[in-house]
Amino acid sequence: MIEAIINKVNNPHALCNIKNIVRSLGDTFQTNASRDEVAALLKQQMNNLGSWQTESISVDGSDSTGTTYSMGALPLYVMEPNPASVALAQSKIQQYLR
């Protein structure tokens, strides 16, 4: 999804619609970044019009049944994350934040 957003923002016509783009994202993903921070990041990309390199990181785990935040007490299929793969993903994210 992030790559699709980046590709959309790299379109010069997106300059006119930055607020609509941020608004359309709505609740489609969770982040601790504010809407203003996301908008600033998108605006920076549009101003630079440089290419971004994206990397995908997967966290693996095992099959389980449990409750979820969105469905309350209803037991559903969930993945129990492997702590080692979570730690690896966290390490990779920290490398990019430095």
Protein backbone atom coordinates (compact mmCIF):
# COMPACT_ATOMS: atom_id res chain seq x y z
CA MET A 1 0.00 0.00 0.00
CA ILE A 2 2.83 2.40 0.85
CA GLU A 3 4.36 1.87 -2.59
CA ALA A 4 1.01 2.66 -4.24
CA ILE A 5 0.74 5.89 -2.21
CA ILE A 6 4.28 6.87 -3.20
CA ASN A 7 3.54 6.19 -6.87
CA LYS A 8 0.36 8.26 -6.63
CA VAL A 9 2.20 11.17 -4.98
CA ASN A 10 4.95 11.09 -7.62
CA ASN A 11 2.30 12.14 -10.15
CA PRO A 12 2.55 15.95 -10.62
CA HIS A 13 -1.27 16.17 -10.71
CA ALA A 14 -1.29 15.03 -7.09
CA LEU A 15 0.08 18.44 -6.06
CA CYS A 16 -3.40 19.88 -6.37
CA ASN A 17 -4.98 17.14 -4.28
CA ILE A 18 -2.61 16.55 -1.36
CA LYS A 19 -5.26 17.23 1.27
CA ASN A 20 -7.72 14.92 -0.49
CA ILE A 21 -5.10 12.18 -0.69
CA VAL A 22 -4.37 12.37 3.04
CA ARG A 23 -8.10 12.54 3.84
CA SER A 24 -8.84 9.53 1.60
CA LEU A 25 -6.36 7.42 3.53
CA GLY A 26 -8.64 7.85 6.53
CA ASP A 27 -8.51 4.81 8.76
CA THR A 28 -7.04 2.43 6.18
CA PHE A 29 -3.90 1.90 8.24
CA GLN A 30 -2.57 2.61 11.70
CA THR A 31 0.42 4.79 12.43
CA ASN A 32 1.65 6.96 15.25
CA ALA A 33 2.35 9.73 12.72
CA SER A 34 -0.16 12.56 12.71
CA ARG A 35 -2.05 13.54 9.57
CA ASP A 36 0.10 16.68 9.45
CA GLU A 37 3.27 14.57 9.53
CA VAL A 38 1.98 12.29 6.76
CA ALA A 39 0.96 15.33 4.70
CA ALA A 40 4.40 16.91 5.25
CA LEU A 41 6.10 13.70 4.12
CA LEU A 42 3.96 13.54 0.99
CA LYS A 43 4.53 17.24 0.28
CA GLN A 44 8.29 16.80 0.68
CA GLN A 45 8.21 13.96 -1.83
CA MET A 46 6.22 16.04 -4.31
CA ASN A 47 8.61 18.97 -3.94
CA ASN A 48 11.68 16.79 -4.52
CA LEU A 49 10.08 14.53 -7.15
CA GLY A 50 12.91 12.11 -6.48
CA SER A 51 12.48 8.39 -6.48
CA TRP A 52 11.94 6.54 -3.24
CA GLN A 53 13.24 3.11 -2.47
CA THR A 54 10.85 0.94 -0.51
CA GLU A 55 11.58 -2.27 1.33
CA SER A 56 9.09 -4.83 2.51
CA ILE A 57 9.64 -6.57 5.83
CA SER A 58 7.57 -9.58 6.85
CA VAL A 59 7.00 -10.90 10.32
CA ASP A 60 6.25 -14.60 10.55
CA GLY A 61 4.53 -16.62 13.19
CA SER A 62 2.31 -19.57 13.90
CA ASP A 63 -1.39 -20.25 13.38
CA SER A 64 -3.64 -19.72 16.37
CA THR A 65 -7.19 -18.91 17.37
CA GLY A 66 -7.88 -15.88 19.49
CA THR A 67 -9.87 -12.74 19.97
CA THR A 68 -9.13 -9.51 18.15
CA TYR A 69 -9.59 -5.85 18.92
CA SER A 70 -11.94 -5.34 15.99
CA MET A 71 -14.18 -8.37 16.61
CA GLY A 72 -14.24 -8.50 20.41
CA ALA A 73 -14.78 -11.89 22.03
CA LEU A 74 -15.43 -13.74 18.74
CA PRO A 75 -12.61 -16.29 18.31
CA LEU A 76 -10.91 -15.92 14.93
CA TYR A 77 -7.82 -17.14 13.11
CA VAL A 78 -4.84 -15.07 14.21
CA MET A 79 -1.11 -15.29 13.77
CA GLU A 80 1.02 -15.43 16.90
CA PRO A 81 4.14 -13.49 15.87
CA ASN A 82 7.53 -15.12 16.17
CA PRO A 83 9.47 -12.90 18.64
CA ALA A 84 12.72 -13.29 16.68
CA SER A 85 11.12 -12.06 13.45
CA VAL A 86 9.50 -9.14 15.30
CA ALA A 87 12.89 -8.19 16.76
CA LEU A 88 14.48 -8.36 13.29
CA ALA A 89 11.77 -6.08 11.84
CA GLN A 90 12.17 -3.64 14.74
CA SER A 91 15.93 -3.57 14.20
CA LYS A 92 15.49 -2.85 10.49
CA ILE A 93 13.05 -0.02 11.23
CA GLN A 94 15.47 1.48 13.75
CA GLN A 95 18.24 1.42 11.11
CA TYR A 96 16.09 3.59 8.85
CA LEU A 97 15.22 6.00 11.64
CA ARG A 98 18.88 6.79 12.35
